[in-house]
Amino acid sequence: AGVDPASAAAFLREACVHDGIRFVGLMGVADPDGDAH
């Protein structure tokens, strides 16, 4: 799940035209079989 990193800026620009919301950070779920760092 999640937006593609290259699309994140465009997603935020579109989303932030709305009142009543505030993006306070990012989240992601790392591949448990790979290096999360």
ModelCIF file with pLDDT and N, C-alpha, C, O atoms, coordinates in Angstrom:
data_MODEL
#
_entry.id   MODEL 
#
_entity.id                         1 
_entity.type                       polymer 
_entity.pdbx_number_of_molecules   1 
#
_entity_poly.entity_id                      1 
_entity_poly.type                           'polypeptide(L)' 
_entity_poly.nstd_linkage                   no 
_entity_poly.nstd_monomer                   no 
_entity_poly.pdbx_seq_one_letter_code       AGVDPASAAAFLREACVHDGIRFVGLMGVADPDGDAH 
_entity_poly.pdbx_seq_one_letter_code_can   AGVDPASAAAFLREACVHDGIRFVGLMGVADPDGDAH 
_entity_poly.pdbx_strand_id                 A 
#
loop_
_entity_poly_seq.entity_id 
_entity_poly_seq.num 
_entity_poly_seq.mon_id 
_entity_poly_seq.hetero 
1 1  ALA n 
1 2  GLY n 
1 3  VAL n 
1 4  ASP n 
1 5  PRO n 
1 6  ALA n 
1 7  SER n 
1 8  ALA n 
1 9  ALA n 
1 10 ALA n 
1 11 PHE n 
1 12 LEU n 
1 13 ARG n 
1 14 GLU n 
1 15 ALA n 
1 16 CYS n 
1 17 VAL n 
1 18 HIS n 
1 19 ASP n 
1 20 GLY n 
1 21 ILE n 
1 22 ARG n 
1 23 PHE n 
1 24 VAL n 
1 25 GLY n 
1 26 LEU n 
1 27 MET n 
1 28 GLY n 
1 29 VAL n 
1 30 ALA n 
1 31 ASP n 
1 32 PRO n 
1 33 ASP n 
1 34 GLY n 
1 35 ASP n 
1 36 ALA n 
1 37 HIS n 
#
_struct_asym.id          A 
_struct_asym.entity_id   1 
#
loop_
_ma_qa_metric.id 
_ma_qa_metric.mode 
_ma_qa_metric.name 
_ma_qa_metric.software_group_id 
_ma_qa_metric.type 
1 global pLDDT . pLDDT 
2 local  pLDDT . pLDDT 
#
_ma_qa_metric_global.metric_id      1 
_ma_qa_metric_global.metric_value   92.27 
_ma_qa_metric_global.model_id       1 
_ma_qa_metric_global.ordinal_id     1 
#
loop_
_ma_qa_metric_local.label_asym_id 
_ma_qa_metric_local.label_comp_id 
_ma_qa_metric_local.label_seq_id 
_ma_qa_metric_local.metric_id 
_ma_qa_metric_local.metric_value 
_ma_qa_metric_local.model_id 
_ma_qa_metric_local.ordinal_id 
A ALA 1  2 85.00 1 1  
A GLY 2  2 94.00 1 2  
A VAL 3  2 95.00 1 3  
A ASP 4  2 95.00 1 4  
A PRO 5  2 94.00 1 5  
A ALA 6  2 95.00 1 6  
A SER 7  2 95.00 1 7  
A ALA 8  2 96.00 1 8  
A ALA 9  2 96.00 1 9  
A ALA 10 2 95.00 1 10 
A PHE 11 2 96.00 1 11 
A LEU 12 2 95.00 1 12 
A ARG 13 2 93.00 1 13 
A GLU 14 2 94.00 1 14 
A ALA 15 2 94.00 1 15 
A CYS 16 2 87.00 1 16 
A VAL 17 2 92.00 1 17 
A HIS 18 2 95.00 1 18 
A ASP 19 2 94.00 1 19 
A GLY 20 2 95.00 1 20 
A ILE 21 2 96.00 1 21 
A ARG 22 2 95.00 1 22 
A PHE 23 2 95.00 1 23 
A VAL 24 2 94.00 1 24 
A GLY 25 2 95.00 1 25 
A LEU 26 2 96.00 1 26 
A MET 27 2 95.00 1 27 
A GLY 28 2 94.00 1 28 
A VAL 29 2 92.00 1 29 
A ALA 30 2 90.00 1 30 
A ASP 31 2 82.00 1 31 
A PRO 32 2 82.00 1 32 
A ASP 33 2 80.00 1 33 
A GLY 34 2 83.00 1 34 
A ASP 35 2 91.00 1 35 
A ALA 36 2 90.00 1 36 
A HIS 37 2 89.00 1 37 
#
loop_
_atom_site.group_PDB 
_atom_site.id 
_atom_site.type_symbol 
_atom_site.label_atom_id 
_atom_site.label_alt_id 
_atom_site.label_comp_id 
_atom_site.label_asym_id 
_atom_site.label_entity_id 
_atom_site.label_seq_id 
_atom_site.pdbx_PDB_ins_code 
_atom_site.Cartn_x 
_atom_site.Cartn_y 
_atom_site.Cartn_z 
_atom_site.occupancy 
_atom_site.B_iso_or_equiv 
_atom_site.pdbx_formal_charge 
_atom_site.auth_seq_id 
_atom_site.auth_comp_id 
_atom_site.auth_asym_id 
_atom_site.auth_atom_id 
_atom_site.pdbx_PDB_model_num 
ATOM 1   N N  . ALA A 1 1  ? 0.842   -1.182  0.000  1.00 85.00 ? 1  ALA A N  1 
ATOM 2   C CA . ALA A 1 1  ? 0.000   0.000   0.000  1.00 85.00 ? 1  ALA A CA 1 
ATOM 3   C C  . ALA A 1 1  ? 0.885   1.241   0.000  1.00 85.00 ? 1  ALA A C  1 
ATOM 4   O O  . ALA A 1 1  ? 2.059   1.189   0.366  1.00 85.00 ? 1  ALA A O  1 
ATOM 5   N N  . GLY A 1 2  ? 0.306   2.332   -0.410 1.00 94.00 ? 2  GLY A N  1 
ATOM 6   C CA . GLY A 1 2  ? 1.047   3.590   -0.365 1.00 94.00 ? 2  GLY A CA 1 
ATOM 7   C C  . GLY A 1 2  ? 1.229   4.205   -1.732 1.00 94.00 ? 2  GLY A C  1 
ATOM 8   O O  . GLY A 1 2  ? 1.134   3.529   -2.756 1.00 94.00 ? 2  GLY A O  1 
ATOM 9   N N  . VAL A 1 3  ? 1.492   5.501   -1.733 1.00 95.00 ? 3  VAL A N  1 
ATOM 10  C CA . VAL A 1 3  ? 1.755   6.197   -2.988 1.00 95.00 ? 3  VAL A CA 1 
ATOM 11  C C  . VAL A 1 3  ? 3.200   5.943   -3.398 1.00 95.00 ? 3  VAL A C  1 
ATOM 12  O O  . VAL A 1 3  ? 4.067   5.711   -2.555 1.00 95.00 ? 3  VAL A O  1 
ATOM 13  N N  . ASP A 1 4  ? 3.443   5.988   -4.678 1.00 95.00 ? 4  ASP A N  1 
ATOM 14  C CA . ASP A 1 4  ? 4.809   5.867   -5.178 1.00 95.00 ? 4  ASP A CA 1 
ATOM 15  C C  . ASP A 1 4  ? 5.612   7.075   -4.709 1.00 95.00 ? 4  ASP A C  1 
ATOM 16  O O  . ASP A 1 4  ? 5.096   8.191   -4.748 1.00 95.00 ? 4  ASP A O  1 
ATOM 17  N N  . PRO A 1 5  ? 6.858   6.895   -4.265 1.00 94.00 ? 5  PRO A N  1 
ATOM 18  C CA . PRO A 1 5  ? 7.646   8.042   -3.789 1.00 94.00 ? 5  PRO A CA 1 
ATOM 19  C C  . PRO A 1 5  ? 7.708   9.184   -4.800 1.00 94.00 ? 5  PRO A C  1 
ATOM 20  O O  . PRO A 1 5  ? 7.686   10.354  -4.417 1.00 94.00 ? 5  PRO A O  1 
ATOM 21  N N  . ALA A 1 6  ? 7.785   8.851   -6.079 1.00 95.00 ? 6  ALA A N  1 
ATOM 22  C CA . ALA A 1 6  ? 7.877   9.896   -7.099 1.00 95.00 ? 6  ALA A CA 1 
ATOM 23  C C  . ALA A 1 6  ? 6.585   10.684  -7.233 1.00 95.00 ? 6  ALA A C  1 
ATOM 24  O O  . ALA A 1 6  ? 6.585   11.784  -7.785 1.00 95.00 ? 6  ALA A O  1 
ATOM 25  N N  . SER A 1 7  ? 5.471   10.128  -6.730 1.00 95.00 ? 7  SER A N  1 
ATOM 26  C CA . SER A 1 7  ? 4.169   10.788  -6.829 1.00 95.00 ? 7  SER A CA 1 
ATOM 27  C C  . SER A 1 7  ? 3.754   11.484  -5.540 1.00 95.00 ? 7  SER A C  1 
ATOM 28  O O  . SER A 1 7  ? 2.693   12.106  -5.484 1.00 95.00 ? 7  SER A O  1 
ATOM 29  N N  . ALA A 1 8  ? 4.580   11.384  -4.508 1.00 96.00 ? 8  ALA A N  1 
ATOM 30  C CA . ALA A 1 8  ? 4.182   11.892  -3.196 1.00 96.00 ? 8  ALA A CA 1 
ATOM 31  C C  . ALA A 1 8  ? 3.963   13.400  -3.200 1.00 96.00 ? 8  ALA A C  1 
ATOM 32  O O  . ALA A 1 8  ? 3.002   13.887  -2.605 1.00 96.00 ? 8  ALA A O  1 
ATOM 33  N N  . ALA A 1 9  ? 4.842   14.140  -3.864 1.00 96.00 ? 9  ALA A N  1 
ATOM 34  C CA . ALA A 1 9  ? 4.700   15.597  -3.891 1.00 96.00 ? 9  ALA A CA 1 
ATOM 35  C C  . ALA A 1 9  ? 3.407   16.007  -4.575 1.00 96.00 ? 9  ALA A C  1 
ATOM 36  O O  . ALA A 1 9  ? 2.693   16.882  -4.085 1.00 96.00 ? 9  ALA A O  1 
ATOM 37  N N  . ALA A 1 10 ? 3.100   15.380  -5.705 1.00 95.00 ? 10 ALA A N  1 
ATOM 38  C CA . ALA A 1 10 ? 1.873   15.697  -6.422 1.00 95.00 ? 10 ALA A CA 1 
ATOM 39  C C  . ALA A 1 10 ? 0.647   15.329  -5.587 1.00 95.00 ? 10 ALA A C  1 
ATOM 40  O O  . ALA A 1 10 ? -0.353  16.047  -5.594 1.00 95.00 ? 10 ALA A O  1 
ATOM 41  N N  . PHE A 1 11 ? 0.728   14.205  -4.870 1.00 96.00 ? 11 PHE A N  1 
ATOM 42  C CA . PHE A 1 11 ? -0.385  13.787  -4.014 1.00 96.00 ? 11 PHE A CA 1 
ATOM 43  C C  . PHE A 1 11 ? -0.640  14.838  -2.936 1.00 96.00 ? 11 PHE A C  1 
ATOM 44  O O  . PHE A 1 11 ? -1.786  15.212  -2.687 1.00 96.00 ? 11 PHE A O  1 
ATOM 45  N N  . LEU A 1 12 ? 0.424   15.311  -2.302 1.00 95.00 ? 12 LEU A N  1 
ATOM 46  C CA . LEU A 1 12 ? 0.266   16.306  -1.243 1.00 95.00 ? 12 LEU A CA 1 
ATOM 47  C C  . LEU A 1 12 ? -0.287  17.619  -1.791 1.00 95.00 ? 12 LEU A C  1 
ATOM 48  O O  . LEU A 1 12 ? -1.143  18.244  -1.165 1.00 95.00 ? 12 LEU A O  1 
ATOM 49  N N  . ARG A 1 13 ? 0.194   18.028  -2.939 1.00 93.00 ? 13 ARG A N  1 
ATOM 50  C CA . ARG A 1 13 ? -0.314  19.278  -3.526 1.00 93.00 ? 13 ARG A CA 1 
ATOM 51  C C  . ARG A 1 13 ? -1.815  19.180  -3.779 1.00 93.00 ? 13 ARG A C  1 
ATOM 52  O O  . ARG A 1 13 ? -2.564  20.121  -3.520 1.00 93.00 ? 13 ARG A O  1 
ATOM 53  N N  . GLU A 1 14 ? -2.235  18.043  -4.283 1.00 94.00 ? 14 GLU A N  1 
ATOM 54  C CA . GLU A 1 14 ? -3.665  17.848  -4.547 1.00 94.00 ? 14 GLU A CA 1 
ATOM 55  C C  . GLU A 1 14 ? -4.455  17.754  -3.249 1.00 94.00 ? 14 GLU A C  1 
ATOM 56  O O  . GLU A 1 14 ? -5.524  18.351  -3.124 1.00 94.00 ? 14 GLU A O  1 
ATOM 57  N N  . ALA A 1 15 ? -3.933  17.008  -2.288 1.00 94.00 ? 15 ALA A N  1 
ATOM 58  C CA . ALA A 1 15 ? -4.662  16.775  -1.042 1.00 94.00 ? 15 ALA A CA 1 
ATOM 59  C C  . ALA A 1 15 ? -4.817  18.045  -0.222 1.00 94.00 ? 15 ALA A C  1 
ATOM 60  O O  . ALA A 1 15 ? -5.845  18.249  0.425  1.00 94.00 ? 15 ALA A O  1 
ATOM 61  N N  . CYS A 1 16 ? -3.807  18.893  -0.247 1.00 87.00 ? 16 CYS A N  1 
ATOM 62  C CA . CYS A 1 16 ? -3.794  20.041  0.659  1.00 87.00 ? 16 CYS A CA 1 
ATOM 63  C C  . CYS A 1 16 ? -4.640  21.214  0.185  1.00 87.00 ? 16 CYS A C  1 
ATOM 64  O O  . CYS A 1 16 ? -4.603  22.288  0.786  1.00 87.00 ? 16 CYS A O  1 
ATOM 65  N N  . VAL A 1 17 ? -5.404  21.020  -0.887 1.00 92.00 ? 17 VAL A N  1 
ATOM 66  C CA . VAL A 1 17 ? -6.416  22.018  -1.230 1.00 92.00 ? 17 VAL A CA 1 
ATOM 67  C C  . VAL A 1 17 ? -7.607  21.892  -0.282 1.00 92.00 ? 17 VAL A C  1 
ATOM 68  O O  . VAL A 1 17 ? -8.429  22.805  -0.195 1.00 92.00 ? 17 VAL A O  1 
ATOM 69  N N  . HIS A 1 18 ? -7.704  20.772  0.423  1.00 95.00 ? 18 HIS A N  1 
ATOM 70  C CA . HIS A 1 18 ? -8.813  20.543  1.342  1.00 95.00 ? 18 HIS A CA 1 
ATOM 71  C C  . HIS A 1 18 ? -8.551  21.214  2.689  1.00 95.00 ? 18 HIS A C  1 
ATOM 72  O O  . HIS A 1 18 ? -7.431  21.207  3.201  1.00 95.00 ? 18 HIS A O  1 
ATOM 73  N N  . ASP A 1 19 ? -9.615  21.793  3.250  1.00 94.00 ? 19 ASP A N  1 
ATOM 74  C CA . ASP A 1 19 ? -9.560  22.238  4.640  1.00 94.00 ? 19 ASP A CA 1 
ATOM 75  C C  . ASP A 1 19 ? -9.830  21.035  5.542  1.00 94.00 ? 19 ASP A C  1 
ATOM 76  O O  . ASP A 1 19 ? -10.381 20.024  5.106  1.00 94.00 ? 19 ASP A O  1 
ATOM 77  N N  . GLY A 1 20 ? -9.432  21.165  6.802  1.00 95.00 ? 20 GLY A N  1 
ATOM 78  C CA . GLY A 1 20 ? -9.772  20.139  7.781  1.00 95.00 ? 20 GLY A CA 1 
ATOM 79  C C  . GLY A 1 20 ? -8.805  18.989  7.888  1.00 95.00 ? 20 GLY A C  1 
ATOM 80  O O  . GLY A 1 20 ? -9.046  18.053  8.651  1.00 95.00 ? 20 GLY A O  1 
ATOM 81  N N  . ILE A 1 21 ? -7.698  19.030  7.134  1.00 96.00 ? 21 ILE A N  1 
ATOM 82  C CA . ILE A 1 21 ? -6.704  17.957  7.236  1.00 96.00 ? 21 ILE A CA 1 
ATOM 83  C C  . ILE A 1 21 ? -5.319  18.557  7.389  1.00 96.00 ? 21 ILE A C  1 
ATOM 84  O O  . ILE A 1 21 ? -5.072  19.697  6.994  1.00 96.00 ? 21 ILE A O  1 
ATOM 85  N N  . ARG A 1 22 ? -4.424  17.779  7.966  1.00 95.00 ? 22 ARG A N  1 
ATOM 86  C CA . ARG A 1 22 ? -3.034  18.202  8.128  1.00 95.00 ? 22 ARG A CA 1 
ATOM 87  C C  . ARG A 1 22 ? -2.153  16.959  8.059  1.00 95.00 ? 22 ARG A C  1 
ATOM 88  O O  . ARG A 1 22 ? -2.254  16.074  8.909  1.00 95.00 ? 22 ARG A O  1 
ATOM 89  N N  . PHE A 1 23 ? -1.294  16.894  7.051  1.00 95.00 ? 23 PHE A N  1 
ATOM 90  C CA . PHE A 1 23 ? -0.337  15.796  6.978  1.00 95.00 ? 23 PHE A CA 1 
ATOM 91  C C  . PHE A 1 23 ? 0.843   16.128  7.897  1.00 95.00 ? 23 PHE A C  1 
ATOM 92  O O  . PHE A 1 23 ? 1.522   17.137  7.709  1.00 95.00 ? 23 PHE A O  1 
ATOM 93  N N  . VAL A 1 24 ? 1.076   15.276  8.882  1.00 94.00 ? 24 VAL A N  1 
ATOM 94  C CA . VAL A 1 24 ? 2.107   15.541  9.882  1.00 94.00 ? 24 VAL A CA 1 
ATOM 95  C C  . VAL A 1 24 ? 3.318   14.623  9.734  1.00 94.00 ? 24 VAL A C  1 
ATOM 96  O O  . VAL A 1 24 ? 4.250   14.695  10.534 1.00 94.00 ? 24 VAL A O  1 
ATOM 97  N N  . GLY A 1 25 ? 3.311   13.767  8.724  1.00 95.00 ? 25 GLY A N  1 
ATOM 98  C CA . GLY A 1 25 ? 4.461   12.897  8.526  1.00 95.00 ? 25 GLY A CA 1 
ATOM 99  C C  . GLY A 1 25 ? 4.193   11.838  7.483  1.00 95.00 ? 25 GLY A C  1 
ATOM 100 O O  . GLY A 1 25 ? 3.106   11.754  6.910  1.00 95.00 ? 25 GLY A O  1 
ATOM 101 N N  . LEU A 1 26 ? 5.222   11.024  7.250  1.00 96.00 ? 26 LEU A N  1 
ATOM 102 C CA . LEU A 1 26 ? 5.139   9.898   6.332  1.00 96.00 ? 26 LEU A CA 1 
ATOM 103 C C  . LEU A 1 26 ? 5.189   8.594   7.105  1.00 96.00 ? 26 LEU A C  1 
ATOM 104 O O  . LEU A 1 26 ? 5.644   8.560   8.249  1.00 96.00 ? 26 LEU A O  1 
ATOM 105 N N  . MET A 1 27 ? 4.728   7.536   6.493  1.00 95.00 ? 27 MET A N  1 
ATOM 106 C CA . MET A 1 27 ? 4.881   6.200   7.056  1.00 95.00 ? 27 MET A CA 1 
ATOM 107 C C  . MET A 1 27 ? 5.080   5.219   5.909  1.00 95.00 ? 27 MET A C  1 
ATOM 108 O O  . MET A 1 27 ? 4.724   5.490   4.762  1.00 95.00 ? 27 MET A O  1 
ATOM 109 N N  . GLY A 1 28 ? 5.648   4.093   6.246  1.00 94.00 ? 28 GLY A N  1 
ATOM 110 C CA . GLY A 1 28 ? 5.831   3.029   5.268  1.00 94.00 ? 28 GLY A CA 1 
ATOM 111 C C  . GLY A 1 28 ? 6.056   1.727   5.992  1.00 94.00 ? 28 GLY A C  1 
ATOM 112 O O  . GLY A 1 28 ? 6.409   1.718   7.171  1.00 94.00 ? 28 GLY A O  1 
ATOM 113 N N  . VAL A 1 29 ? 5.854   0.625   5.297  1.00 92.00 ? 29 VAL A N  1 
ATOM 114 C CA . VAL A 1 29 ? 6.082   -0.705  5.852  1.00 92.00 ? 29 VAL A CA 1 
ATOM 115 C C  . VAL A 1 29 ? 7.220   -1.335  5.065  1.00 92.00 ? 29 VAL A C  1 
ATOM 116 O O  . VAL A 1 29 ? 7.106   -1.556  3.859  1.00 92.00 ? 29 VAL A O  1 
ATOM 117 N N  . ALA A 1 30 ? 8.309   -1.620  5.751  1.00 90.00 ? 30 ALA A N  1 
ATOM 118 C CA . ALA A 1 30 ? 9.499   -2.149  5.078  1.00 90.00 ? 30 ALA A CA 1 
ATOM 119 C C  . ALA A 1 30 ? 9.331   -3.620  4.733  1.00 90.00 ? 30 ALA A C  1 
ATOM 120 O O  . ALA A 1 30 ? 8.543   -4.336  5.351  1.00 90.00 ? 30 ALA A O  1 
ATOM 121 N N  . ASP A 1 31 ? 10.085  -4.052  3.736  1.00 82.00 ? 31 ASP A N  1 
ATOM 122 C CA . ASP A 1 31 ? 10.165  -5.464  3.369  1.00 82.00 ? 31 ASP A CA 1 
ATOM 123 C C  . ASP A 1 31 ? 10.800  -6.217  4.539  1.00 82.00 ? 31 ASP A C  1 
ATOM 124 O O  . ASP A 1 31 ? 11.967  -5.978  4.848  1.00 82.00 ? 31 ASP A O  1 
ATOM 125 N N  . PRO A 1 32 ? 10.072  -7.112  5.194  1.00 82.00 ? 32 PRO A N  1 
ATOM 126 C CA . PRO A 1 32 ? 10.628  -7.803  6.356  1.00 82.00 ? 32 PRO A CA 1 
ATOM 127 C C  . PRO A 1 32 ? 11.776  -8.741  6.018  1.00 82.00 ? 32 PRO A C  1 
ATOM 128 O O  . PRO A 1 32 ? 12.537  -9.127  6.906  1.00 82.00 ? 32 PRO A O  1 
ATOM 129 N N  . ASP A 1 33 ? 11.913  -9.114  4.752  1.00 80.00 ? 33 ASP A N  1 
ATOM 130 C CA . ASP A 1 33 ? 12.988  -10.017 4.350  1.00 80.00 ? 33 ASP A CA 1 
ATOM 131 C C  . ASP A 1 33 ? 14.223  -9.278  3.855  1.00 80.00 ? 33 ASP A C  1 
ATOM 132 O O  . ASP A 1 33 ? 15.232  -9.902  3.524  1.00 80.00 ? 33 ASP A O  1 
ATOM 133 N N  . GLY A 1 34 ? 14.148  -7.950  3.803  1.00 83.00 ? 34 GLY A N  1 
ATOM 134 C CA . GLY A 1 34 ? 15.281  -7.152  3.347  1.00 83.00 ? 34 GLY A CA 1 
ATOM 135 C C  . GLY A 1 34 ? 15.785  -6.252  4.455  1.00 83.00 ? 34 GLY A C  1 
ATOM 136 O O  . GLY A 1 34 ? 15.263  -6.270  5.569  1.00 83.00 ? 34 GLY A O  1 
ATOM 137 N N  . ASP A 1 35 ? 16.795  -5.469  4.148  1.00 91.00 ? 35 ASP A N  1 
ATOM 138 C CA . ASP A 1 35 ? 17.362  -4.523  5.108  1.00 91.00 ? 35 ASP A CA 1 
ATOM 139 C C  . ASP A 1 35 ? 16.445  -3.317  5.193  1.00 91.00 ? 35 ASP A C  1 
ATOM 140 O O  . ASP A 1 35 ? 16.253  -2.600  4.211  1.00 91.00 ? 35 ASP A O  1 
ATOM 141 N N  . ALA A 1 36 ? 15.881  -3.098  6.368  1.00 90.00 ? 36 ALA A N  1 
ATOM 142 C CA . ALA A 1 36 ? 14.945  -1.989  6.533  1.00 90.00 ? 36 ALA A CA 1 
ATOM 143 C C  . ALA A 1 36 ? 15.632  -0.634  6.538  1.00 90.00 ? 36 ALA A C  1 
ATOM 144 O O  . ALA A 1 36 ? 15.008  0.373   6.201  1.00 90.00 ? 36 ALA A O  1 
ATOM 145 N N  . HIS A 1 37 ? 16.914  -0.587  6.917  1.00 89.00 ? 37 HIS A N  1 
ATOM 146 C CA . HIS A 1 37 ? 17.584  0.703   7.097  1.00 89.00 ? 37 HIS A CA 1 
ATOM 147 C C  . HIS A 1 37 ? 17.569  1.567   5.839  1.00 89.00 ? 37 HIS A C  1 
ATOM 148 O O  . HIS A 1 37 ? 18.097  2.679   5.847  1.00 89.00 ? 37 HIS A O  1 
#
